[in-house]
Protein backbone atom coordinates (compact mmCIF):
# COMPACT_ATOMS: atom_id res chain seq x y z
CA MET A 1 38.79 72.83 -94.59
CA LYS A 2 39.51 69.24 -95.28
CA LYS A 3 43.01 69.53 -93.21
CA VAL A 4 41.23 70.91 -90.18
CA ILE A 5 38.62 67.99 -90.41
CA PHE A 6 41.80 65.61 -90.82
CA SER A 7 43.61 67.19 -87.69
CA LEU A 8 40.56 67.28 -85.57
CA ILE A 9 39.82 63.49 -86.03
CA LEU A 10 43.58 62.80 -85.68
CA VAL A 11 43.38 64.39 -82.14
CA LEU A 12 40.07 62.87 -81.39
CA CYS A 13 41.38 59.47 -81.83
CA SER A 14 44.96 60.25 -80.26
CA SER A 15 43.07 61.41 -77.30
CA GLN A 16 41.04 57.79 -77.48
CA ALA A 17 44.10 56.02 -77.28
CA LEU A 18 45.74 57.60 -74.29
CA SER A 19 43.06 56.78 -72.38
CA ALA A 20 43.38 53.60 -72.63
CA TRP A 21 46.23 53.84 -69.76
CA ASP A 22 45.43 55.29 -66.30
CA GLY A 23 48.90 56.66 -66.55
CA VAL A 24 51.72 57.48 -68.96
CA ASN A 25 54.75 58.92 -67.28
CA SER A 26 57.89 59.59 -68.87
CA GLY A 27 61.30 60.63 -67.45
CA LEU A 28 64.77 59.04 -66.32
CA ILE A 29 64.60 55.89 -64.11
CA LYS A 30 64.89 56.80 -60.95
CA LYS A 31 64.82 53.55 -59.19
CA ILE A 32 64.46 49.82 -59.62
CA ASP A 33 63.37 47.51 -56.86
CA VAL A 34 63.69 43.72 -57.02
CA ALA A 35 61.48 41.71 -54.89
CA PRO A 36 61.58 38.24 -55.99
CA ASN A 37 59.12 36.79 -53.41
CA ASP A 38 56.61 39.28 -54.09
CA PRO A 39 53.89 39.00 -57.01
CA ARG A 40 55.19 42.57 -58.01
CA THR A 41 58.46 41.41 -58.59
CA ILE A 42 59.96 44.56 -60.58
CA ARG A 43 59.02 47.87 -59.37
CA VAL A 44 59.96 51.37 -61.26
CA PHE A 45 60.30 54.36 -59.85
CA LEU A 46 60.99 57.60 -62.73
CA THR A 47 61.75 61.04 -61.74
CA ASP A 48 60.31 63.93 -64.53
CA ALA A 49 62.80 66.60 -65.70
CA ASN A 50 61.90 68.83 -62.62
CA GLY A 51 63.17 65.89 -60.45
CA VAL A 52 59.56 65.08 -59.13
CA THR A 53 58.83 61.22 -58.92
CA PRO A 54 55.86 61.05 -60.48
CA LYS A 55 52.17 58.99 -59.84
CA MET A 56 52.09 56.26 -62.00
CA CYS A 57 48.56 55.63 -62.66
CA GLY A 58 46.01 58.08 -61.25
CA ASN A 59 46.54 56.99 -58.06
CA ASP A 60 49.37 57.74 -54.89
CA TYR A 61 51.78 54.76 -56.06
CA THR A 62 54.96 56.35 -57.48
CA TRP A 63 55.90 52.84 -58.68
CA ALA A 64 54.78 50.70 -61.59
CA TYR A 65 55.52 46.65 -61.29
CA LEU A 66 55.75 43.77 -63.37
CA HIS A 67 55.63 40.07 -62.18
CA GLU A 68 57.86 37.56 -63.35
CA ASN A 69 55.84 35.27 -65.09
CA ASP A 70 53.95 38.05 -67.12
CA VAL A 71 54.38 37.54 -71.13
CA GLY A 72 57.35 39.50 -71.98
CA TYR A 73 58.90 40.02 -68.40
CA THR A 74 62.50 39.26 -69.44
CA THR A 75 62.61 41.55 -72.41
CA VAL A 76 60.87 44.71 -70.37
CA VAL A 77 63.23 44.15 -67.28
CA SER A 78 66.10 44.26 -70.16
CA ALA A 79 64.72 47.09 -71.80
CA LEU A 80 64.34 49.05 -67.81
CA LEU A 81 68.38 47.83 -67.33
CA SER A 82 69.13 49.42 -70.36
CA ALA A 83 67.96 52.88 -69.54
CA LYS A 84 68.72 52.96 -66.47
CA ALA A 85 72.41 51.79 -67.27
CA THR A 86 72.58 54.60 -70.33
CA ASN A 87 70.81 57.25 -68.43
CA SER A 88 68.09 57.24 -71.30
CA SER A 89 64.31 58.82 -70.90
CA ILE A 90 61.82 56.32 -70.68
CA ALA A 91 58.00 56.30 -70.98
CA VAL A 92 55.85 54.07 -68.81
CA TYR A 93 52.64 53.60 -69.69
CA ALA A 94 50.23 51.59 -66.99
CA ASN A 95 46.95 50.52 -65.35
CA LYS A 96 45.56 49.95 -61.93
CA ASN A 97 45.53 46.58 -61.58
CA PRO A 98 41.95 46.02 -59.47
CA ALA A 99 42.96 42.44 -58.74
CA ASP A 100 46.02 43.60 -56.95
CA ASN A 101 44.92 46.59 -54.62
CA ASN A 102 44.86 49.06 -57.91
CA TYR A 103 48.68 48.89 -57.95
CA CYS A 104 50.38 50.12 -61.13
CA LYS A 105 50.86 47.54 -63.51
CA ILE A 106 53.47 48.14 -66.36
CA GLY A 107 51.55 47.59 -69.88
CA TYR A 108 53.74 49.04 -72.59
CA ILE A 109 57.31 50.78 -72.18
CA SER A 110 59.25 53.18 -74.85
CA PHE A 111 62.52 54.48 -74.88
């Protein structure tokens, strides 16, 4: 019985942690756009296992961005380029940015 209760607690905690993100998508990097004169400097598009480009954070945008002035920008860009070059699967955690037309802003990546 203790195992069942503990498992239930873990599931509930996990689902609460996932709800902190408007979108969590994983797959291969389909494309990286660079727009140096735009607040959305780096834009990342994924493709999932079925070849579909997913919507990144619960709206119609199929890309997520990061601005060059964001903390950790160079580290994230390096990781994205590495994942693209090695054809590695990556997970992108993104949130809608209400201050920027609800575009999907990268908050975390993992690969």
